[in-house]
C-alpha cells in the first residue's frame, strides 16, 4: 500500500512537470492553423479507394484522426476495412491492421482476395484452380513487405495504443 502510494505521488509529480497547458490561446490556435495552411498538401491523405467517401472525408484518411466504422454484424465492416488497408498498401503506406473479430489468416485471406480477384468463398472452401493459385502468388508481395502488420491480440484501447506506439517507434505507421 505504501509503495503504491509513493508511486502515485511520483506519477502525479511527473505529470504536472511535463503536462502542457490544458487550453490553447486563440492566438496560438490561429498561428497553428496558418502554419498548417502554409504547408500546402505535404501531408497527403490516404485515399479509401471510394471517391464518394474520400470527398466526405476531405480527401481520405489523414494522420491523427480516429475514424470508427460500426454497423450490425455481417454487413461488411471487415471487408470494407480490408479494402481500405489494401488501398493504403498500394499507395506505399504503412498499415497496422488490428482486429478482434478475425484471425490473421482470415484477414490476409480477405486482403489477398481483394488484391487477386479470387473469390473469398473459393479461398475459404479451398477450391482454388491453378489459375487462382497463380493470382494469389502474384499478388502476395504487397502483404509480405515491411509496410503491413497485423495484431489480433489487442483487446483494449490502451493495448491498441501500446501496439501502435511500438510500431510507430519501429518505423512508423500511416
C-alpha atoms as a PDB file:
ATOM      1  CA  UNK A   1       0.000   0.000   0.000  1.00  0.00           C
ATOM      2  CA  UNK A   2       2.843   2.360   0.904  1.00  0.00           C
ATOM      3  CA  UNK A   3       4.709   1.578  -2.344  1.00  0.00           C
ATOM      4  CA  UNK A   4       1.564   2.163  -4.363  1.00  0.00           C
ATOM      5  CA  UNK A   5       1.014   5.487  -2.635  1.00  0.00           C
ATOM      6  CA  UNK A   6       4.600   6.578  -3.344  1.00  0.00           C
ATOM      7  CA  UNK A   7       4.257   5.531  -6.990  1.00  0.00           C
ATOM      8  CA  UNK A   8       1.064   7.538  -7.404  1.00  0.00           C
ATOM      9  CA  UNK A   9       2.697  10.589  -5.850  1.00  0.00           C
ATOM     10  CA  UNK A  10       5.712  10.249  -8.163  1.00  0.00           C
ATOM     11  CA  UNK A  11       3.462   9.918 -11.233  1.00  0.00           C
ATOM     12  CA  UNK A  12       1.457  12.961 -10.154  1.00  0.00           C
ATOM     13  CA  UNK A  13       4.673  14.987  -9.838  1.00  0.00           C
ATOM     14  CA  UNK A  14       5.853  13.882 -13.273  1.00  0.00           C
ATOM     15  CA  UNK A  15       2.526  14.648 -14.920  1.00  0.00           C
ATOM     16  CA  UNK A  16       2.444  18.185 -13.512  1.00  0.00           C
ATOM     17  CA  UNK A  17       6.027  18.775 -14.642  1.00  0.00           C
ATOM     18  CA  UNK A  18       5.504  17.523 -18.195  1.00  0.00           C
ATOM     19  CA  UNK A  19       1.892  18.476 -18.863  1.00  0.00           C
ATOM     20  CA  UNK A  20       1.366  21.443 -21.096  1.00  0.00           C
ATOM     21  CA  UNK A  21      -1.482  23.836 -20.604  1.00  0.00           C
ATOM     22  CA  UNK A  22      -4.948  22.331 -20.801  1.00  0.00           C
ATOM     23  CA  UNK A  23      -6.042  25.173 -23.062  1.00  0.00           C
ATOM     24  CA  UNK A  24      -4.526  26.902 -26.080  1.00  0.00           C
ATOM     25  CA  UNK A  25      -4.940  30.613 -26.636  1.00  0.00           C
ATOM     26  CA  UNK A  26      -6.915  31.742 -29.663  1.00  0.00           C
ATOM     27  CA  UNK A  27      -3.793  33.445 -30.982  1.00  0.00           C
ATOM     28  CA  UNK A  28      -1.756  30.231 -30.756  1.00  0.00           C
ATOM     29  CA  UNK A  29      -4.576  28.324 -32.458  1.00  0.00           C
ATOM     30  CA  UNK A  30      -4.637  30.853 -35.327  1.00  0.00           C
ATOM     31  CA  UNK A  31      -0.849  30.580 -35.721  1.00  0.00           C
ATOM     32  CA  UNK A  32      -1.149  26.775 -35.781  1.00  0.00           C
ATOM     33  CA  UNK A  33      -3.874  26.954 -38.451  1.00  0.00           C
ATOM     34  CA  UNK A  34      -1.907  29.395 -40.631  1.00  0.00           C
ATOM     35  CA  UNK A  35       1.255  27.299 -40.308  1.00  0.00           C
ATOM     36  CA  UNK A  36      -0.707  24.231 -41.341  1.00  0.00           C
ATOM     37  CA  UNK A  37      -2.224  26.078 -44.317  1.00  0.00           C
ATOM     38  CA  UNK A  38       1.218  27.291 -45.444  1.00  0.00           C
ATOM     39  CA  UNK A  39       2.489  23.714 -45.560  1.00  0.00           C
ATOM     40  CA  UNK A  40       0.216  23.052 -48.519  1.00  0.00           C
ATOM     41  CA  UNK A  41      -0.654  19.431 -49.078  1.00  0.00           C
ATOM     42  CA  UNK A  42       2.639  17.915 -47.933  1.00  0.00           C
ATOM     43  CA  UNK A  43       0.583  15.638 -45.728  1.00  0.00           C
ATOM     44  CA  UNK A  44      -1.145  13.661 -48.472  1.00  0.00           C
ATOM     45  CA  UNK A  45      -4.285  11.887 -47.316  1.00  0.00           C
ATOM     46  CA  UNK A  46      -4.626   8.132 -47.658  1.00  0.00           C
ATOM     47  CA  UNK A  47      -7.468   7.619 -50.068  1.00  0.00           C
ATOM     48  CA  UNK A  48     -10.054   4.969 -49.311  1.00  0.00           C
ATOM     49  CA  UNK A  49     -10.402   3.852 -52.909  1.00  0.00           C
ATOM     50  CA  UNK A  50     -14.011   5.036 -52.889  1.00  0.00           C
ATOM     51  CA  UNK A  51     -14.170   8.523 -54.414  1.00  0.00           C
ATOM     52  CA  UNK A  52     -17.538   9.473 -52.862  1.00  0.00           C
ATOM     53  CA  UNK A  53     -16.267   8.563 -49.381  1.00  0.00           C
ATOM     54  CA  UNK A  54     -12.982  10.388 -49.993  1.00  0.00           C
ATOM     55  CA  UNK A  55     -14.969  13.559 -50.766  1.00  0.00           C
ATOM     56  CA  UNK A  56     -16.825  13.208 -47.446  1.00  0.00           C
ATOM     57  CA  UNK A  57     -13.502  12.684 -45.639  1.00  0.00           C
ATOM     58  CA  UNK A  58     -11.936  15.756 -47.335  1.00  0.00           C
ATOM     59  CA  UNK A  59      -9.648  13.672 -49.500  1.00  0.00           C
ATOM     60  CA  UNK A  60      -9.306  10.498 -47.456  1.00  0.00           C
ATOM     61  CA  UNK A  61      -7.811   9.496 -44.133  1.00  0.00           C
ATOM     62  CA  UNK A  62      -5.408  11.949 -42.500  1.00  0.00           C
ATOM     63  CA  UNK A  63      -2.988  11.344 -39.667  1.00  0.00           C
ATOM     64  CA  UNK A  64      -4.149  11.949 -36.128  1.00  0.00           C
ATOM     65  CA  UNK A  65      -7.802  11.183 -36.818  1.00  0.00           C
ATOM     66  CA  UNK A  66      -9.858   8.441 -35.235  1.00  0.00           C
ATOM     67  CA  UNK A  67     -12.494   7.051 -37.556  1.00  0.00           C
ATOM     68  CA  UNK A  68     -14.849   4.412 -36.213  1.00  0.00           C
ATOM     69  CA  UNK A  69     -16.688   2.055 -38.538  1.00  0.00           C
ATOM     70  CA  UNK A  70     -19.725   0.475 -36.959  1.00  0.00           C
ATOM     71  CA  UNK A  71     -22.738  -1.493 -38.128  1.00  0.00           C
ATOM     72  CA  UNK A  72     -24.737  -4.643 -37.472  1.00  0.00           C
ATOM     73  CA  UNK A  73     -22.919  -7.991 -37.672  1.00  0.00           C
ATOM     74  CA  UNK A  74     -22.281  -9.453 -41.126  1.00  0.00           C
ATOM     75  CA  UNK A  75     -22.827  -6.313 -43.203  1.00  0.00           C
ATOM     76  CA  UNK A  76     -19.251  -5.969 -44.486  1.00  0.00           C
ATOM     77  CA  UNK A  77     -17.321  -3.860 -41.945  1.00  0.00           C
ATOM     78  CA  UNK A  78     -14.268  -6.124 -42.040  1.00  0.00           C
ATOM     79  CA  UNK A  79     -14.404  -6.390 -45.832  1.00  0.00           C
ATOM     80  CA  UNK A  80     -14.576  -2.596 -46.097  1.00  0.00           C
ATOM     81  CA  UNK A  81     -11.647  -2.095 -43.724  1.00  0.00           C
ATOM     82  CA  UNK A  82      -9.623  -4.734 -45.571  1.00  0.00           C
ATOM     83  CA  UNK A  83     -10.336  -2.823 -48.790  1.00  0.00           C
ATOM     84  CA  UNK A  84      -9.108   0.412 -47.155  1.00  0.00           C
ATOM     85  CA  UNK A  85      -5.944  -1.331 -45.923  1.00  0.00           C
ATOM     86  CA  UNK A  86      -5.208  -2.796 -49.370  1.00  0.00           C
ATOM     87  CA  UNK A  87      -5.675   0.631 -50.943  1.00  0.00           C
ATOM     88  CA  UNK A  88      -3.280   2.215 -48.433  1.00  0.00           C
ATOM     89  CA  UNK A  89      -0.698  -0.517 -49.090  1.00  0.00           C
ATOM     90  CA  UNK A  90      -0.973   0.077 -52.839  1.00  0.00           C
ATOM     91  CA  UNK A  91      -0.135   3.737 -52.118  1.00  0.00           C
ATOM     92  CA  UNK A  92       3.033   2.587 -50.324  1.00  0.00           C
ATOM     93  CA  UNK A  93       1.687   3.455 -46.872  1.00  0.00           C
ATOM     94  CA  UNK A  94       2.492   1.532 -43.692  1.00  0.00           C
ATOM     95  CA  UNK A  95      -0.576  -0.226 -42.286  1.00  0.00           C
ATOM     96  CA  UNK A  96      -1.217  -1.668 -38.842  1.00  0.00           C
ATOM     97  CA  UNK A  97      -4.418  -3.751 -39.004  1.00  0.00           C
ATOM     98  CA  UNK A  98      -5.925  -4.543 -35.613  1.00  0.00           C
ATOM     99  CA  UNK A  99      -8.880  -6.882 -35.314  1.00  0.00           C
ATOM    100  CA  UNK A 100     -10.585  -8.750 -32.509  1.00  0.00           C
ATOM    101  CA  UNK A 101     -13.063 -10.474 -34.808  1.00  0.00           C
ATOM    102  CA  UNK A 102     -10.851 -12.371 -37.231  1.00  0.00           C
ATOM    103  CA  UNK A 103      -7.618 -14.351 -37.188  1.00  0.00           C
ATOM    104  CA  UNK A 104      -4.530 -13.247 -39.076  1.00  0.00           C
ATOM    105  CA  UNK A 105      -5.259 -15.949 -41.691  1.00  0.00           C
ATOM    106  CA  UNK A 106      -8.783 -14.616 -42.250  1.00  0.00           C
ATOM    107  CA  UNK A 107      -7.579 -11.018 -42.541  1.00  0.00           C
ATOM    108  CA  UNK A 108      -4.885 -11.923 -45.063  1.00  0.00           C
ATOM    109  CA  UNK A 109      -7.366 -14.150 -46.909  1.00  0.00           C
ATOM    110  CA  UNK A 110      -9.745 -11.217 -47.381  1.00  0.00           C
ATOM    111  CA  UNK A 111      -6.974  -8.888 -48.426  1.00  0.00           C
ATOM    112  CA  UNK A 112      -5.384 -11.310 -50.907  1.00  0.00           C
ATOM    113  CA  UNK A 113      -8.862 -11.915 -52.308  1.00  0.00           C
ATOM    114  CA  UNK A 114      -9.239  -8.181 -52.908  1.00  0.00           C
ATOM    115  CA  UNK A 115      -5.788  -7.947 -54.491  1.00  0.00           C
ATOM    116  CA  UNK A 116      -6.023 -11.030 -56.693  1.00  0.00           C
ATOM    117  CA  UNK A 117      -9.687 -11.047 -57.659  1.00  0.00           C
ATOM    118  CA  UNK A 118     -10.006 -14.621 -56.380  1.00  0.00           C
ATOM    119  CA  UNK A 119     -13.283 -15.019 -54.508  1.00  0.00           C
ATOM    120  CA  UNK A 120     -13.142 -15.123 -50.728  1.00  0.00           C
ATOM    121  CA  UNK A 121     -15.516 -18.095 -50.865  1.00  0.00           C
ATOM    122  CA  UNK A 122     -13.090 -20.099 -53.007  1.00  0.00           C
ATOM    123  CA  UNK A 123     -10.257 -19.306 -50.612  1.00  0.00           C
ATOM    124  CA  UNK A 124     -12.286 -20.329 -47.537  1.00  0.00           C
ATOM    125  CA  UNK A 125     -13.584 -23.506 -49.233  1.00  0.00           C
ATOM    126  CA  UNK A 126     -10.087 -24.301 -50.550  1.00  0.00           C
ATOM    127  CA  UNK A 127     -11.466 -24.853 -54.041  1.00  0.00           C
ATOM    128  CA  UNK A 128      -8.781 -22.988 -55.929  1.00  0.00           C
ATOM    129  CA  UNK A 129      -7.773 -23.685 -59.507  1.00  0.00           C
ATOM    130  CA  UNK A 130      -4.191 -23.455 -60.762  1.00  0.00           C
ATOM    131  CA  UNK A 131      -5.063 -20.011 -62.140  1.00  0.00           C
ATOM    132  CA  UNK A 132      -6.380 -18.940 -58.722  1.00  0.00           C
ATOM    133  CA  UNK A 133      -3.134 -20.037 -57.069  1.00  0.00           C
ATOM    134  CA  UNK A 134      -1.149 -18.080 -59.652  1.00  0.00           C
ATOM    135  CA  UNK A 135      -3.273 -14.986 -58.973  1.00  0.00           C
ATOM    136  CA  UNK A 136      -2.746 -15.378 -55.212  1.00  0.00           C
ATOM    137  CA  UNK A 137       1.012 -15.833 -55.548  1.00  0.00           C
ATOM    138  CA  UNK A 138       1.419 -12.971 -57.993  1.00  0.00           C
ATOM    139  CA  UNK A 139      -0.374 -10.578 -55.598  1.00  0.00           C
ATOM    140  CA  UNK A 140       1.020 -11.622 -52.228  1.00  0.00           C
ATOM    141  CA  UNK A 141       4.093  -9.353 -52.202  1.00  0.00           C
ATOM    142  CA  UNK A 142       2.207  -6.237 -51.111  1.00  0.00           C
ATOM    143  CA  UNK A 143       1.192  -8.064 -47.911  1.00  0.00           C
ATOM    144  CA  UNK A 144       4.571  -9.628 -47.197  1.00  0.00           C
ATOM    145  CA  UNK A 145       6.652  -6.442 -47.221  1.00  0.00           C
ATOM    146  CA  UNK A 146       7.651  -4.234 -44.335  1.00  0.00           C
ATOM    147  CA  UNK A 147       4.580  -1.994 -44.684  1.00  0.00           C
ATOM    148  CA  UNK A 148       1.960  -4.388 -43.298  1.00  0.00           C
ATOM    149  CA  UNK A 149       1.447  -5.595 -39.741  1.00  0.00           C
ATOM    150  CA  UNK A 150      -1.466  -7.444 -38.116  1.00  0.00           C
ATOM    151  CA  UNK A 151      -2.492  -7.740 -34.480  1.00  0.00           C
ATOM    152  CA  UNK A 152      -5.396  -9.780 -33.179  1.00  0.00           C
ATOM    153  CA  UNK A 153      -4.321  -9.624 -29.555  1.00  0.00           C
ATOM    154  CA  UNK A 154      -5.175  -6.051 -28.563  1.00  0.00           C
ATOM    155  CA  UNK A 155      -8.354  -6.144 -26.509  1.00  0.00           C
ATOM    156  CA  UNK A 156      -8.492  -2.658 -25.003  1.00  0.00           C
ATOM    157  CA  UNK A 157      -7.906   0.876 -26.294  1.00  0.00           C
ATOM    158  CA  UNK A 158      -4.759   1.017 -24.128  1.00  0.00           C
ATOM    159  CA  UNK A 159      -3.424  -2.169 -25.739  1.00  0.00           C
ATOM    160  CA  UNK A 160      -4.168  -0.811 -29.217  1.00  0.00           C
ATOM    161  CA  UNK A 161      -2.364   2.416 -28.332  1.00  0.00           C
ATOM    162  CA  UNK A 162       0.629   0.489 -26.974  1.00  0.00           C
ATOM    163  CA  UNK A 163       0.922  -1.585 -30.175  1.00  0.00           C
ATOM    164  CA  UNK A 164       0.540   1.495 -32.378  1.00  0.00           C
ATOM    165  CA  UNK A 165       3.217   3.376 -30.427  1.00  0.00           C
ATOM    166  CA  UNK A 166       5.608   0.416 -30.715  1.00  0.00           C
ATOM    167  CA  UNK A 167       5.000   0.221 -34.447  1.00  0.00           C
ATOM    168  CA  UNK A 168       5.453   3.986 -34.780  1.00  0.00           C
ATOM    169  CA  UNK A 169       8.779   3.755 -32.976  1.00  0.00           C
ATOM    170  CA  UNK A 170       9.851   0.819 -35.158  1.00  0.00           C
ATOM    171  CA  UNK A 171       9.460   2.686 -38.436  1.00  0.00           C
ATOM    172  CA  UNK A 172       6.110   4.368 -38.399  1.00  0.00           C
ATOM    173  CA  UNK A 173       2.537   3.668 -39.361  1.00  0.00           C
ATOM    174  CA  UNK A 174       0.310   5.743 -41.578  1.00  0.00           C
END
